[in-house]
Amino acid sequence: MDSEFKACDDIFECRQCGDCCNGFGGTYVTKQDMINISTYINVDPEKFIGRYCDTSGSRTVLTLGQDGYCIFFDKLKQCTIHPVKPYMCKAWPFIQAVIKYPENWNIMANSCPGMKKGIPYKDLQKIVKREKEKLKSRGFHPTGV
């Protein structure tokens, strides 16, 4: 029997709700992300790190505002750095935690209304692998994000 789940759009449709911008361990940023964002907001990269970044374990993440959302999230305008948003945001929900361990999909789907639940594991593996390749072909090469 053929599965109904063949492509990314079959298992994820962004609802523009901003839930992915709220907490959950933070938004990891690469060095290139930091350069892109600091240039976009016209802040010296060194000052950017001190003003807009924190550390989670050994990784750099964007600071959270008092409301628990990413410092660059505005409830009215949504992402204020959208044209240069971090790799992790561009890849969502196909982030490293899912690429490495597709079983994490259902855990993340509990907090993201755009992610369908109950996807057969084999289908999920195939779709995640395809999405990873698409991201790589567009020049996104995450290291642990």
Foldseek 3Di string as FASTA:
>chain_A
DDDPQAAPQSFFDAPLQQLVQAAPQAAFADPVLLVLQCVVVVHPSVVCCVPFWDDRPNTIGGDADPVRGGPQQDNVVGGNSVVSHGPPVVLPPLAPVCLVPVVCQQVVCVRGVRGDPDDPPVSSNNRSVVSVVVCVVVPDDDDRD
